[in-house]
PDB file of N, CA and C in Angstrom:
ATOM      1  N   MET A   1     111.181 107.259 160.455  1.00  0.00           N
ATOM      2  CA  MET A   1     111.180 106.755 161.803  1.00  0.00           C
ATOM      3  C   MET A   1     110.184 105.594 161.906  1.00  0.00           C
ATOM      4  N   VAL A   2     110.655 104.458 162.341  1.00  0.00           N
ATOM      5  CA  VAL A   2     109.791 103.300 162.532  1.00  0.00           C
ATOM      6  C   VAL A   2     108.959 103.536 163.791  1.00  0.00           C
ATOM      7  N   ILE A   3     107.653 103.410 163.645  1.00  0.00           N
ATOM      8  CA  ILE A   3     106.734 103.655 164.756  1.00  0.00           C
ATOM      9  C   ILE A   3     106.567 102.372 165.567  1.00  0.00           C
ATOM     10  N   GLU A   4     106.813 102.465 166.870  1.00  0.00           N
ATOM     11  CA  GLU A   4     106.544 101.337 167.758  1.00  0.00           C
ATOM     12  C   GLU A   4     105.133 101.520 168.304  1.00  0.00           C
ATOM     13  N   LEU A   5     104.222 100.732 167.793  1.00  0.00           N
ATOM     14  CA  LEU A   5     102.814 100.843 168.173  1.00  0.00           C
ATOM     15  C   LEU A   5     102.591 100.184 169.529  1.00  0.00           C
ATOM     16  N   GLN A   6     101.886 100.880 170.405  1.00  0.00           N
ATOM     17  CA  GLN A   6     101.743 100.447 171.793  1.00  0.00           C
ATOM     18  C   GLN A   6     100.408  99.782 172.115  1.00  0.00           C
ATOM     19  N   SER A   7      99.477  99.811 171.167  1.00  0.00           N
ATOM     20  CA  SER A   7      98.154  99.246 171.455  1.00  0.00           C
ATOM     21  C   SER A   7      97.459  98.853 170.159  1.00  0.00           C
ATOM     22  N   SER A   8      96.407  98.082 170.329  1.00  0.00           N
ATOM     23  CA  SER A   8      95.577  97.701 169.194  1.00  0.00           C
ATOM     24  C   SER A   8      94.965  98.938 168.544  1.00  0.00           C
ATOM     25  N   GLU A   9      94.610  99.912 169.367  1.00  0.00           N
ATOM     26  CA  GLU A   9      94.017 101.151 168.849  1.00  0.00           C
ATOM     27  C   GLU A   9      95.015 101.920 167.988  1.00  0.00           C
ATOM     28  N   SER A  10      96.267 102.022 168.446  1.00  0.00           N
ATOM     29  CA  SER A  10      97.277 102.744 167.654  1.00  0.00           C
ATOM     30  C   SER A  10      97.597 101.990 166.366  1.00  0.00           C
ATOM     31  N   TYR A  11      97.501 100.669 166.408  1.00  0.00           N
ATOM     32  CA  TYR A  11      97.691  99.831 165.219  1.00  0.00           C
ATOM     33  C   TYR A  11      96.628 100.177 164.170  1.00  0.00           C
ATOM     34  N   ARG A  12      95.367 100.146 164.591  1.00  0.00           N
ATOM     35  CA  ARG A  12      94.272 100.446 163.666  1.00  0.00           C
ATOM     36  C   ARG A  12      94.308 101.901 163.201  1.00  0.00           C
ATOM     37  N   GLU A  13      94.642 102.807 164.100  1.00  0.00           N
ATOM     38  CA  GLU A  13      94.705 104.231 163.756  1.00  0.00           C
ATOM     39  C   GLU A  13      95.801 104.506 162.720  1.00  0.00           C
ATOM     40  N   THR A  14      96.949 103.894 162.880  1.00  0.00           N
ATOM     41  CA  THR A  14      98.045 104.072 161.923  1.00  0.00           C
ATOM     42  C   THR A  14      97.634 103.571 160.546  1.00  0.00           C
ATOM     43  N   ILE A  15      96.964 102.444 160.501  1.00  0.00           N
ATOM     44  CA  ILE A  15      96.506 101.878 159.229  1.00  0.00           C
ATOM     45  C   ILE A  15      95.465 102.782 158.578  1.00  0.00           C
ATOM     46  N   SER A  16      94.546 103.302 159.356  1.00  0.00           N
ATOM     47  CA  SER A  16      93.459 104.107 158.777  1.00  0.00           C
ATOM     48  C   SER A  16      93.896 105.513 158.375  1.00  0.00           C
ATOM     49  N   ARG A  17      94.905 106.065 159.018  1.00  0.00           N
ATOM     50  CA  ARG A  17      95.320 107.449 158.741  1.00  0.00           C
ATOM     51  C   ARG A  17      96.374 107.597 157.650  1.00  0.00           C
ATOM     52  N   ASN A  18      96.944 106.494 157.204  1.00  0.00           N
ATOM     53  CA  ASN A  18      98.022 106.562 156.220  1.00  0.00           C
ATOM     54  C   ASN A  18      97.685 105.734 154.993  1.00  0.00           C
ATOM     55  N   ARG A  19      98.051 106.248 153.842  1.00  0.00           N
ATOM     56  CA  ARG A  19      97.744 105.549 152.591  1.00  0.00           C
ATOM     57  C   ARG A  19      98.487 104.221 152.497  1.00  0.00           C
ATOM     58  N   LEU A  20      99.797 104.252 152.712  1.00  0.00           N
ATOM     59  CA  LEU A  20     100.624 103.048 152.629  1.00  0.00           C
ATOM     60  C   LEU A  20     101.305 102.798 153.967  1.00  0.00           C
ATOM     61  N   VAL A  21     101.092 101.609 154.501  1.00  0.00           N
ATOM     62  CA  VAL A  21     101.663 101.251 155.798  1.00  0.00           C
ATOM     63  C   VAL A  21     102.207  99.829 155.723  1.00  0.00           C
ATOM     64  N   VAL A  22     103.401  99.625 156.278  1.00  0.00           N
ATOM     65  CA  VAL A  22     103.962  98.286 156.440  1.00  0.00           C
ATOM     66  C   VAL A  22     104.180  98.088 157.937  1.00  0.00           C
ATOM     67  N   ILE A  23     103.573  97.039 158.477  1.00  0.00           N
ATOM     68  CA  ILE A  23     103.663  96.780 159.916  1.00  0.00           C
ATOM     69  C   ILE A  23     104.141  95.353 160.158  1.00  0.00           C
ATOM     70  N   ALA A  24     105.117  95.242 161.056  1.00  0.00           N
ATOM     71  CA  ALA A  24     105.591  93.934 161.499  1.00  0.00           C
ATOM     72  C   ALA A  24     104.915  93.608 162.819  1.00  0.00           C
ATOM     73  N   ILE A  25     104.507  92.364 162.946  1.00  0.00           N
ATOM     74  CA  ILE A  25     103.876  91.886 164.173  1.00  0.00           C
ATOM     75  C   ILE A  25     104.748  90.751 164.695  1.00  0.00           C
ATOM     76  N   CYS A  26     105.303  90.936 165.883  1.00  0.00           N
ATOM     77  CA  CYS A  26     106.153  89.890 166.450  1.00  0.00           C
ATOM     78  C   CYS A  26     106.209  90.030 167.965  1.00  0.00           C
ATOM     79  N   ASN A  27     106.880  89.101 168.578  1.00  0.00           N
ATOM     80  CA  ASN A  27     107.038  89.100 170.022  1.00  0.00           C
ATOM     81  C   ASN A  27     108.154  90.075 170.388  1.00  0.00           C
ATOM     82  N   ARG A  28     107.837  91.059 171.217  1.00  0.00           N
ATOM     83  CA  ARG A  28     108.813  92.091 171.591  1.00  0.00           C
ATOM     84  C   ARG A  28     110.073  91.484 172.213  1.00  0.00           C
ATOM     85  N   SER A  29     109.945  90.379 172.894  1.00  0.00           N
ATOM     86  CA  SER A  29     111.101  89.782 173.571  1.00  0.00           C
ATOM     87  C   SER A  29     111.931  88.878 172.659  1.00  0.00           C
ATOM     88  N   SER A  30     111.536  88.735 171.403  1.00  0.00           N
ATOM     89  CA  SER A  30     112.297  87.880 170.486  1.00  0.00           C
ATOM     90  C   SER A  30     113.423  88.663 169.818  1.00  0.00           C
ATOM     91  N   LYS A  31     114.351  87.922 169.235  1.00  0.00           N
ATOM     92  CA  LYS A  31     115.466  88.556 168.514  1.00  0.00           C
ATOM     93  C   LYS A  31     114.963  89.297 167.276  1.00  0.00           C
ATOM     94  N   ASN A  32     113.775  88.955 166.811  1.00  0.00           N
ATOM     95  CA  ASN A  32     113.224  89.600 165.618  1.00  0.00           C
ATOM     96  C   ASN A  32     112.946  91.083 165.824  1.00  0.00           C
ATOM     97  N   TRP A  33     112.599  91.489 167.034  1.00  0.00           N
ATOM     98  CA  TRP A  33     112.159  92.861 167.295  1.00  0.00           C
ATOM     99  C   TRP A  33     113.192  93.887 166.825  1.00  0.00           C
ATOM    100  N   ASP A  34     114.394  93.818 167.368  1.00  0.00           N
ATOM    101  CA  ASP A  34     115.435  94.791 167.008  1.00  0.00           C
ATOM    102  C   ASP A  34     115.855  94.645 165.549  1.00  0.00           C
ATOM    103  N   TYR A  35     115.888  93.407 165.069  1.00  0.00           N
ATOM    104  CA  TYR A  35     116.260  93.171 163.673  1.00  0.00           C
ATOM    105  C   TYR A  35     115.262  93.835 162.730  1.00  0.00           C
ATOM    106  N   ILE A  36     113.979  93.678 162.988  1.00  0.00           N
ATOM    107  CA  ILE A  36     112.942  94.270 162.133  1.00  0.00           C
ATOM    108  C   ILE A  36     113.025  95.794 162.164  1.00  0.00           C
ATOM    109  N   ILE A  37     113.254  96.368 163.328  1.00  0.00           N
ATOM    110  CA  ILE A  37     113.378  97.827 163.408  1.00  0.00           C
ATOM    111  C   ILE A  37     114.519  98.307 162.516  1.00  0.00           C
ATOM    112  N   LYS A  38     115.666  97.658 162.583  1.00  0.00           N
ATOM    113  CA  LYS A  38     116.812  98.049 161.742  1.00  0.00           C
ATOM    114  C   LYS A  38     116.495  97.844 160.263  1.00  0.00           C
ATOM    115  N   LEU A  39     115.849  96.739 159.947  1.00  0.00           N
ATOM    116  CA  LEU A  39     115.474  96.447 158.564  1.00  0.00           C
ATOM    117  C   LEU A  39     114.525  97.516 158.023  1.00  0.00           C
ATOM    118  N   PHE A  40     113.518  97.868 158.797  1.00  0.00           N
ATOM    119  CA  PHE A  40     112.553  98.887 158.384  1.00  0.00           C
ATOM    120  C   PHE A  40     113.200 100.269 158.288  1.00  0.00           C
ATOM    121  N   GLN A  41     114.124 100.588 159.192  1.00  0.00           N
ATOM    122  CA  GLN A  41     114.820 101.878 159.115  1.00  0.00           C
ATOM    123  C   GLN A  41     115.582 101.985 157.797  1.00  0.00           C
ATOM    124  N   TYR A  42     116.198 100.903 157.402  1.00  0.00           N
ATOM    125  CA  TYR A  42     116.940 100.889 156.144  1.00  0.00           C
ATOM    126  C   TYR A  42     115.986 101.059 154.958  1.00  0.00           C
ATOM    127  N   LEU A  43     114.908 100.307 154.945  1.00  0.00           N
ATOM    128  CA  LEU A  43     113.930 100.405 153.855  1.00  0.00           C
ATOM    129  C   LEU A  43     113.320 101.799 153.772  1.00  0.00           C
ATOM    130  N   GLU A  44     113.066 102.391 154.921  1.00  0.00           N
ATOM    131  CA  GLU A  44     112.486 103.727 154.988  1.00  0.00           C
ATOM    132  C   GLU A  44     113.335 104.751 154.230  1.00  0.00           C
ATOM    133  N   GLU A  45     114.642 104.600 154.317  1.00  0.00           N
ATOM    134  CA  GLU A  45     115.560 105.515 153.638  1.00  0.00           C
ATOM    135  C   GLU A  45     115.567 105.311 152.129  1.00  0.00           C
ATOM    136  N   LEU A  46     115.182 104.134 151.678  1.00  0.00           N
ATOM    137  CA  LEU A  46     115.269 103.791 150.259  1.00  0.00           C
ATOM    138  C   LEU A  46     114.011 104.084 149.461  1.00  0.00           C
ATOM    139  N   VAL A  47     112.860 104.065 150.098  1.00  0.00           N
ATOM    140  CA  VAL A  47     111.594 104.064 149.368  1.00  0.00           C
ATOM    141  C   VAL A  47     111.080 105.473 149.076  1.00  0.00           C
ATOM    142  N   LYS A  48     110.613 105.644 147.846  1.00  0.00           N
ATOM    143  CA  LYS A  48     109.969 106.885 147.390  1.00  0.00           C
ATOM    144  C   LYS A  48     108.763 106.482 146.561  1.00  0.00           C
ATOM    145  N   PRO A  49     107.552 106.942 146.789  1.00  0.00           N
ATOM    146  CA  PRO A  49     107.132 107.859 147.844  1.00  0.00           C
ATOM    147  C   PRO A  49     107.136 107.176 149.203  1.00  0.00           C
ATOM    148  N   LYS A  50     106.861 107.943 150.193  1.00  0.00           N
ATOM    149  CA  LYS A  50     106.961 107.494 151.572  1.00  0.00           C
ATOM    150  C   LYS A  50     105.961 106.393 151.912  1.00  0.00           C
ATOM    151  N   ILE A  51     106.474 105.430 152.662  1.00  0.00           N
ATOM    152  CA  ILE A  51     105.645 104.391 153.272  1.00  0.00           C
ATOM    153  C   ILE A  51     105.855 104.517 154.781  1.00  0.00           C
ATOM    154  N   VAL A  52     104.795 104.407 155.548  1.00  0.00           N
ATOM    155  CA  VAL A  52     104.907 104.417 157.004  1.00  0.00           C
ATOM    156  C   VAL A  52     105.255 102.998 157.450  1.00  0.00           C
ATOM    157  N   PHE A  53     106.304 102.869 158.246  1.00  0.00           N
ATOM    158  CA  PHE A  53     106.725 101.577 158.774  1.00  0.00           C
ATOM    159  C   PHE A  53     106.476 101.545 160.272  1.00  0.00           C
ATOM    160  N   GLY A  54     105.922 100.429 160.741  1.00  0.00           N
ATOM    161  CA  GLY A  54     105.647 100.285 162.165  1.00  0.00           C
ATOM    162  C   GLY A  54     105.875  98.861 162.632  1.00  0.00           C
ATOM    163  N   ILE A  55     105.911  98.709 163.934  1.00  0.00           N
ATOM    164  CA  ILE A  55     106.072  97.391 164.543  1.00  0.00           C
ATOM    165  C   ILE A  55     105.195  97.343 165.789  1.00  0.00           C
ATOM    166  N   ILE A  56     104.599  96.189 166.037  1.00  0.00           N
ATOM    167  CA  ILE A  56     103.746  96.028 167.218  1.00  0.00           C
ATOM    168  C   ILE A  56     103.982  94.651 167.823  1.00  0.00           C
ATOM    169  N   ASP A  57     103.942  94.613 169.147  1.00  0.00           N
ATOM    170  CA  ASP A  57     104.046  93.345 169.857  1.00  0.00           C
ATOM    171  C   ASP A  57     102.775  92.537 169.601  1.00  0.00           C
ATOM    172  N   VAL A  58     102.935  91.270 169.329  1.00  0.00           N
ATOM    173  CA  VAL A  58     101.793  90.408 169.012  1.00  0.00           C
ATOM    174  C   VAL A  58     100.732  90.457 170.114  1.00  0.00           C
ATOM    175  N   ASN A  59     101.154  90.574 171.358  1.00  0.00           N
ATOM    176  CA  ASN A  59     100.202  90.602 172.472  1.00  0.00           C
ATOM    177  C   ASN A  59      99.353  91.871 172.506  1.00  0.00           C
ATOM    178  N   MET A  60      99.786  92.908 171.813  1.00  0.00           N
ATOM    179  CA  MET A  60      99.018  94.155 171.731  1.00  0.00           C
ATOM    180  C   MET A  60      98.049  94.137 170.545  1.00  0.00           C
ATOM    181  N   ALA A  61      98.201  93.168 169.652  1.00  0.00           N
ATOM    182  CA  ALA A  61      97.391  93.135 168.429  1.00  0.00           C
ATOM    183  C   ALA A  61      96.490  91.910 168.344  1.00  0.00           C
ATOM    184  N   LEU A  62      96.291  91.222 169.446  1.00  0.00           N
ATOM    185  CA  LEU A  62      95.534  89.965 169.427  1.00  0.00           C
ATOM    186  C   LEU A  62      94.154  90.103 168.801  1.00  0.00           C
ATOM    187  N   SER A  63      93.462  91.189 169.086  1.00  0.00           N
ATOM    188  CA  SER A  63      92.095  91.348 168.580  1.00  0.00           C
ATOM    189  C   SER A  63      92.049  91.627 167.075  1.00  0.00           C
ATOM    190  N   ASP A  64      93.195  91.925 166.481  1.00  0.00           N
ATOM    191  CA  ASP A  64      93.251  92.238 165.049  1.00  0.00           C
ATOM    192  C   ASP A  64      93.820  91.101 164.208  1.00  0.00           C
ATOM    193  N   LEU A  65      94.091  89.967 164.831  1.00  0.00           N
ATOM    194  CA  LEU A  65      94.747  88.862 164.135  1.00  0.00           C
ATOM    195  C   LEU A  65      93.908  87.591 164.165  1.00  0.00           C
ATOM    196  N   GLU A  66      94.118  86.766 163.143  1.00  0.00           N
ATOM    197  CA  GLU A  66      93.529  85.428 163.115  1.00  0.00           C
ATOM    198  C   GLU A  66      94.346  84.535 164.054  1.00  0.00           C
ATOM    199  N   ASP A  67      93.777  83.413 164.476  1.00  0.00           N
ATOM    200  CA  ASP A  67      94.471  82.506 165.395  1.00  0.00           C
ATOM    201  C   ASP A  67      95.815  82.037 164.842  1.00  0.00           C
ATOM    202  N   TYR A  68      95.856  81.671 163.559  1.00  0.00           N
ATOM    203  CA  TYR A  68      97.107  81.191 162.976  1.00  0.00           C
ATOM    204  C   TYR A  68      98.157  82.303 162.933  1.00  0.00           C
ATOM    205  N   GLU A  69      97.716  83.557 162.756  1.00  0.00           N
ATOM    206  CA  GLU A  69      98.651  84.683 162.740  1.00  0.00           C
ATOM    207  C   GLU A  69      99.241  84.918 164.131  1.00  0.00           C
ATOM    208  N   ILE A  70      98.426  84.766 165.146  1.00  0.00           N
ATOM    209  CA  ILE A  70      98.904  84.925 166.522  1.00  0.00           C
ATOM    210  C   ILE A  70      99.969  83.888 166.815  1.00  0.00           C
ATOM    211  N   SER A  71      99.682  82.644 166.474  1.00  0.00           N
ATOM    212  CA  SER A  71     100.633  81.560 166.706  1.00  0.00           C
ATOM    213  C   SER A  71     101.948  81.819 165.975  1.00  0.00           C
ATOM    214  N   LEU A  72     101.850  82.220 164.727  1.00  0.00           N
ATOM    215  CA  LEU A  72     103.051  82.486 163.931  1.00  0.00           C
ATOM    216  C   LEU A  72     103.831  83.680 164.473  1.00  0.00           C
ATOM    217  N   ALA A  73     103.140  84.764 164.779  1.00  0.00           N
ATOM    218  CA  ALA A  73     103.815  85.984 165.244  1.00  0.00           C
ATOM    219  C   ALA A  73     104.476  85.782 166.606  1.00  0.00           C
ATOM    220  N   LYS A  74     103.948  84.889 167.416  1.00  0.00           N
ATOM    221  CA  LYS A  74     104.579  84.617 168.709  1.00  0.00           C
ATOM    222  C   LYS A  74     105.911  83.899 168.525  1.00  0.00           C
ATOM    223  N   LYS A  75     106.027  83.113 167.451  1.00  0.00           N
ATOM    224  CA  LYS A  75     107.260  82.366 167.189  1.00  0.00           C
ATOM    225  C   LYS A  75     108.208  83.094 166.250  1.00  0.00           C
ATOM    226  N   ASP A  76     107.659  83.856 165.320  1.00  0.00           N
ATOM    227  CA  ASP A  76     108.476  84.482 164.278  1.00  0.00           C
ATOM    228  C   ASP A  76     107.990  85.911 164.059  1.00  0.00           C
ATOM    229  N   VAL A  77     107.680  86.266 162.839  1.00  0.00           N
ATOM    230  CA  VAL A  77     107.204  87.616 162.525  1.00  0.00           C
ATOM    231  C   VAL A  77     106.265  87.552 161.331  1.00  0.00           C
ATOM    232  N   ILE A  78     105.272  88.412 161.332  1.00  0.00           N
ATOM    233  CA  ILE A  78     104.403  88.611 160.171  1.00  0.00           C
ATOM    234  C   ILE A  78     104.574  90.061 159.758  1.00  0.00           C
ATOM    235  N   ILE A  79     104.772  90.272 158.465  1.00  0.00           N
ATOM    236  CA  ILE A  79     104.876  91.627 157.929  1.00  0.00           C
ATOM    237  C   ILE A  79     103.693  91.835 156.998  1.00  0.00           C
ATOM    238  N   LYS A  80     102.922  92.896 157.261  1.00  0.00           N
ATOM    239  CA  LYS A  80     101.734  93.183 156.452  1.00  0.00           C
ATOM    240  C   LYS A  80     101.843  94.576 155.849  1.00  0.00           C
ATOM    241  N   MET A  81     101.364  94.702 154.620  1.00  0.00           N
ATOM    242  CA  MET A  81     101.295  96.009 153.978  1.00  0.00           C
ATOM    243  C   MET A  81      99.833  96.351 153.747  1.00  0.00           C
ATOM    244  N   TYR A  82      99.484  97.592 154.086  1.00  0.00           N
ATOM    245  CA  TYR A  82      98.120  98.089 153.943  1.00  0.00           C
ATOM    246  C   TYR A  82      98.086  99.244 152.955  1.00  0.00           C
ATOM    247  N   LEU A  83      97.078  99.227 152.109  1.00  0.00           N
ATOM    248  CA  LEU A  83      96.813 100.319 151.178  1.00  0.00           C
ATOM    249  C   LEU A  83      95.407 100.822 151.476  1.00  0.00           C
ATOM    250  N   ASN A  84      95.310 102.084 151.839  1.00  0.00           N
ATOM    251  CA  ASN A  84      94.011 102.690 152.171  1.00  0.00           C
ATOM    252  C   ASN A  84      93.211 101.836 153.158  1.00  0.00           C
ATOM    253  N   GLY A  85      93.896 101.279 154.150  1.00  0.00           N
ATOM    254  CA  GLY A  85      93.238 100.531 155.209  1.00  0.00           C
ATOM    255  C   GLY A  85      93.028  99.052 154.963  1.00  0.00           C
ATOM    256  N   SER A  86      93.336  98.573 153.751  1.00  0.00           N
ATOM    257  CA  SER A  86      93.148  97.154 153.432  1.00  0.00           C
ATOM    258  C   SER A  86      94.491  96.449 153.305  1.00  0.00           C
ATOM    259  N   CYS A  87      94.579  95.267 153.886  1.00  0.00           N
ATOM    260  CA  CYS A  87      95.808  94.483 153.787  1.00  0.00           C
ATOM    261  C   CYS A  87      95.922  93.922 152.372  1.00  0.00           C
ATOM    262  N   ILE A  88      97.026  94.254 151.703  1.00  0.00           N
ATOM    263  CA  ILE A  88      97.219  93.798 150.325  1.00  0.00           C
ATOM    264  C   ILE A  88      98.438  92.895 150.176  1.00  0.00           C
ATOM    265  N   PHE A  89      99.212  92.745 151.247  1.00  0.00           N
ATOM    266  CA  PHE A  89     100.432  91.945 151.190  1.00  0.00           C
ATOM    267  C   PHE A  89     100.733  91.432 152.588  1.00  0.00           C
ATOM    268  N   SER A  90     101.161  90.181 152.661  1.00  0.00           N
ATOM    269  CA  SER A  90     101.546  89.606 153.942  1.00  0.00           C
ATOM    270  C   SER A  90     102.718  88.665 153.722  1.00  0.00           C
ATOM    271  N   GLN A  91     103.695  88.760 154.596  1.00  0.00           N
ATOM    272  CA  GLN A  91     104.864  87.880 154.521  1.00  0.00           C
ATOM    273  C   GLN A  91     105.068  87.252 155.888  1.00  0.00           C
ATOM    274  N   GLU A  92     105.298  85.962 155.892  1.00  0.00           N
ATOM    275  CA  GLU A  92     105.531  85.249 157.142  1.00  0.00           C
ATOM    276  C   GLU A  92     107.012  84.954 157.280  1.00  0.00           C
ATOM    277  N   GLY A  93     107.620  85.466 158.336  1.00  0.00           N
ATOM    278  CA  GLY A  93     109.013  85.182 158.634  1.00  0.00           C
ATOM    279  C   GLY A  93     110.005  86.040 157.868  1.00  0.00           C
ATOM    280  N   VAL A  94     111.255  85.954 158.319  1.00  0.00           N
ATOM    281  CA  VAL A  94     112.369  86.639 157.670  1.00  0.00           C
ATOM    282  C   VAL A  94     113.547  85.674 157.599  1.00  0.00           C
ATOM    283  N   PHE A  95     114.529  86.017 156.767  1.00  0.00           N
ATOM    284  CA  PHE A  95     115.703  85.163 156.575  1.00  0.00           C
ATOM    285  C   PHE A  95     116.812  85.433 157.597  1.00  0.00           C
ATOM    286  N   HIS A  96     116.785  86.589 158.208  1.00  0.00           N
ATOM    287  CA  HIS A  96     117.859  87.071 159.087  1.00  0.00           C
ATOM    288  C   HIS A  96     119.153  87.276 158.316  1.00  0.00           C
ATOM    289  N   SER A  97     119.003  87.618 157.058  1.00  0.00           N
ATOM    290  CA  SER A  97     120.094  88.086 156.202  1.00  0.00           C
ATOM    291  C   SER A  97     119.613  89.429 155.677  1.00  0.00           C
ATOM    292  N   VAL A  98     120.268  90.507 156.085  1.00  0.00           N
ATOM    293  CA  VAL A  98     119.795  91.840 155.719  1.00  0.00           C
ATOM    294  C   VAL A  98     119.602  91.953 154.214  1.00  0.00           C
ATOM    295  N   TYR A  99     120.572  91.517 153.439  1.00  0.00           N
ATOM    296  CA  TYR A  99     120.465  91.628 151.985  1.00  0.00           C
ATOM    297  C   TYR A  99     119.242  90.867 151.476  1.00  0.00           C
ATOM    298  N   ASN A 100     119.093  89.609 151.877  1.00  0.00           N
ATOM    299  CA  ASN A 100     117.966  88.797 151.397  1.00  0.00           C
ATOM    300  C   ASN A 100     116.618  89.365 151.843  1.00  0.00           C
ATOM    301  N   ASP A 101     116.542  89.828 153.080  1.00  0.00           N
ATOM    302  CA  ASP A 101     115.282  90.384 153.571  1.00  0.00           C
ATOM    303  C   ASP A 101     114.935  91.691 152.872  1.00  0.00           C
ATOM    304  N   ILE A 102     115.920  92.545 152.650  1.00  0.00           N
ATOM    305  CA  ILE A 102     115.677  93.809 151.938  1.00  0.00           C
ATOM    306  C   ILE A 102     115.181  93.519 150.526  1.00  0.00           C
ATOM    307  N   GLU A 103     115.874  92.656 149.819  1.00  0.00           N
ATOM    308  CA  GLU A 103     115.498  92.350 148.435  1.00  0.00           C
ATOM    309  C   GLU A 103     114.121  91.696 148.355  1.00  0.00           C
ATOM    310  N   THR A 104     113.831  90.782 149.271  1.00  0.00           N
ATOM    311  CA  THR A 104     112.529  90.111 149.280  1.00  0.00           C
ATOM    312  C   THR A 104     111.401  91.100 149.554  1.00  0.00           C
ATOM    313  N   LEU A 105     111.586  91.954 150.548  1.00  0.00           N
ATOM    314  CA  LEU A 105     110.551  92.944 150.865  1.00  0.00           C
ATOM    315  C   LEU A 105     110.395  93.969 149.745  1.00  0.00           C
ATOM    316  N   LYS A 106     111.499  94.415 149.176  1.00  0.00           N
ATOM    317  CA  LYS A 106     111.407  95.369 148.065  1.00  0.00           C
ATOM    318  C   LYS A 106     110.597  94.778 146.916  1.00  0.00           C
ATOM    319  N   GLU A 107     110.899  93.546 146.554  1.00  0.00           N
ATOM    320  CA  GLU A 107     110.188  92.911 145.444  1.00  0.00           C
ATOM    321  C   GLU A 107     108.723  92.672 145.793  1.00  0.00           C
ATOM    322  N   GLY A 108     108.448  92.227 147.010  1.00  0.00           N
ATOM    323  CA  GLY A 108     107.061  92.010 147.426  1.00  0.00           C
ATOM    324  C   GLY A 108     106.255  93.295 147.421  1.00  0.00           C
ATOM    325  N   ILE A 109     106.839  94.355 147.946  1.00  0.00           N
ATOM    326  CA  ILE A 109     106.165  95.656 147.975  1.00  0.00           C
ATOM    327  C   ILE A 109     105.959  96.176 146.562  1.00  0.00           C
ATOM    328  N   ARG A 110     107.019  96.159 145.774  1.00  0.00           N
ATOM    329  CA  ARG A 110     106.952  96.690 144.405  1.00  0.00           C
ATOM    330  C   ARG A 110     105.917  95.940 143.560  1.00  0.00           C
ATOM    331  N   SER A 111     105.966  94.618 143.566  1.00  0.00           N
ATOM    332  CA  SER A 111     105.062  93.841 142.710  1.00  0.00           C
ATOM    333  C   SER A 111     103.609  93.940 143.183  1.00  0.00           C
ATOM    334  N   THR A 112     103.400  93.993 144.484  1.00  0.00           N
ATOM    335  CA  THR A 112     102.040  94.128 145.008  1.00  0.00           C
ATOM    336  C   THR A 112     101.449  95.478 144.639  1.00  0.00           C
ATOM    337  N   LEU A 113     102.224  96.543 144.810  1.00  0.00           N
ATOM    338  CA  LEU A 113     101.716  97.876 144.483  1.00  0.00           C
ATOM    339  C   LEU A 113     101.502  98.047 142.983  1.00  0.00           C
ATOM    340  N   LYS A 114     102.315  97.374 142.189  1.00  0.00           N
ATOM    341  CA  LYS A 114     102.142  97.441 140.732  1.00  0.00           C
ATOM    342  C   LYS A 114     100.766  96.898 140.336  1.00  0.00           C
ATOM    343  N   LYS A 115     100.305  95.859 141.027  1.00  0.00           N
ATOM    344  CA  LYS A 115      98.974  95.296 140.762  1.00  0.00           C
ATOM    345  C   LYS A 115      97.868  96.304 141.066  1.00  0.00           C
ATOM    346  N   HIS A 116      98.187  97.277 141.906  1.00  0.00           N
ATOM    347  CA  HIS A 116      97.226  98.326 142.270  1.00  0.00           C
ATOM    348  C   HIS A 116      97.533  99.630 141.537  1.00  0.00           C
ATOM    349  N   SER A 117      98.314  99.518 140.471  1.00  0.00           N
ATOM    350  CA  SER A 117      98.690 100.662 139.620  1.00  0.00           C
ATOM    351  C   SER A 117      99.418 101.762 140.387  1.00  0.00           C
ATOM    352  N   ILE A 118     100.241 101.362 141.335  1.00  0.00           N
ATOM    353  CA  ILE A 118     101.040 102.322 142.097  1.00  0.00           C
ATOM    354  C   ILE A 118     102.514 102.061 141.812  1.00  0.00           C
ATOM    355  N   GLN A 119     103.185 103.100 141.340  1.00  0.00           N
ATOM    356  CA  GLN A 119     104.622 103.013 141.082  1.00  0.00           C
ATOM    357  C   GLN A 119     105.377 103.394 142.347  1.00  0.00           C
ATOM    358  N   ILE A 120     106.359 102.609 142.675  1.00  0.00           N
ATOM    359  CA  ILE A 120     107.191 102.908 143.843  1.00  0.00           C
ATOM    360  C   ILE A 120     108.641 102.688 143.455  1.00  0.00           C
ATOM    361  N   LYS A 121     109.508 103.508 143.997  1.00  0.00           N
ATOM    362  CA  LYS A 121     110.931 103.393 143.682  1.00  0.00           C
ATOM    363  C   LYS A 121     111.723 103.189 144.957  1.00  0.00           C
ATOM    364  N   PHE A 122     112.752 102.399 144.826  1.00  0.00           N
ATOM    365  CA  PHE A 122     113.721 102.236 145.897  1.00  0.00           C
ATOM    366  C   PHE A 122     115.021 102.829 145.390  1.00  0.00           C
ATOM    367  N   ILE A 123     115.458 103.904 146.039  1.00  0.00           N
ATOM    368  CA  ILE A 123     116.697 104.542 145.615  1.00  0.00           C
ATOM    369  C   ILE A 123     117.868 103.688 146.070  1.00  0.00           C
ATOM    370  N   ARG A 124     118.974 103.853 145.408  1.00  0.00           N
ATOM    371  CA  ARG A 124     120.155 103.063 145.774  1.00  0.00           C
ATOM    372  C   ARG A 124     120.681 103.494 147.136  1.00  0.00           C
ATOM    373  N   SER A 125     121.196 102.515 147.839  1.00  0.00           N
ATOM    374  CA  SER A 125     121.775 102.832 149.145  1.00  0.00           C
ATOM    375  C   SER A 125     123.117 103.516 148.961  1.00  0.00           C
ATOM    376  N   ARG A 126     123.556 104.192 150.008  1.00  0.00           N
ATOM    377  CA  ARG A 126     124.809 104.943 149.947  1.00  0.00           C
ATOM    378  C   ARG A 126     125.997 104.066 149.750  1.00  0.00           C
TER     379      ARG A 126
END
């Protein structure tokens, strides 16, 4: 289940309480919002071991972002992956092609975690 984070506090709490977290930051009123939720729901079904996926409106995360990230997230989307509370991966924007976005995120997640000696598998889709 993709978590819709409602505040800066829930954003920080989700990151601190979970080993692996992927969070999208974007404008709730943009077309990206629903697309990212569907994309994350699909990824959630594929990944083993479990990664927590969440999404937060940029206006709820202002205190946790750099100025350039705020500007970007208001126009597009930023996807960040956290390991034990530290951001280890960040992606700016999406292609709006489910296949391309899934493959790009899978490779980014897999290669980043490999650098941290963590093996992750994506099972084949149905």
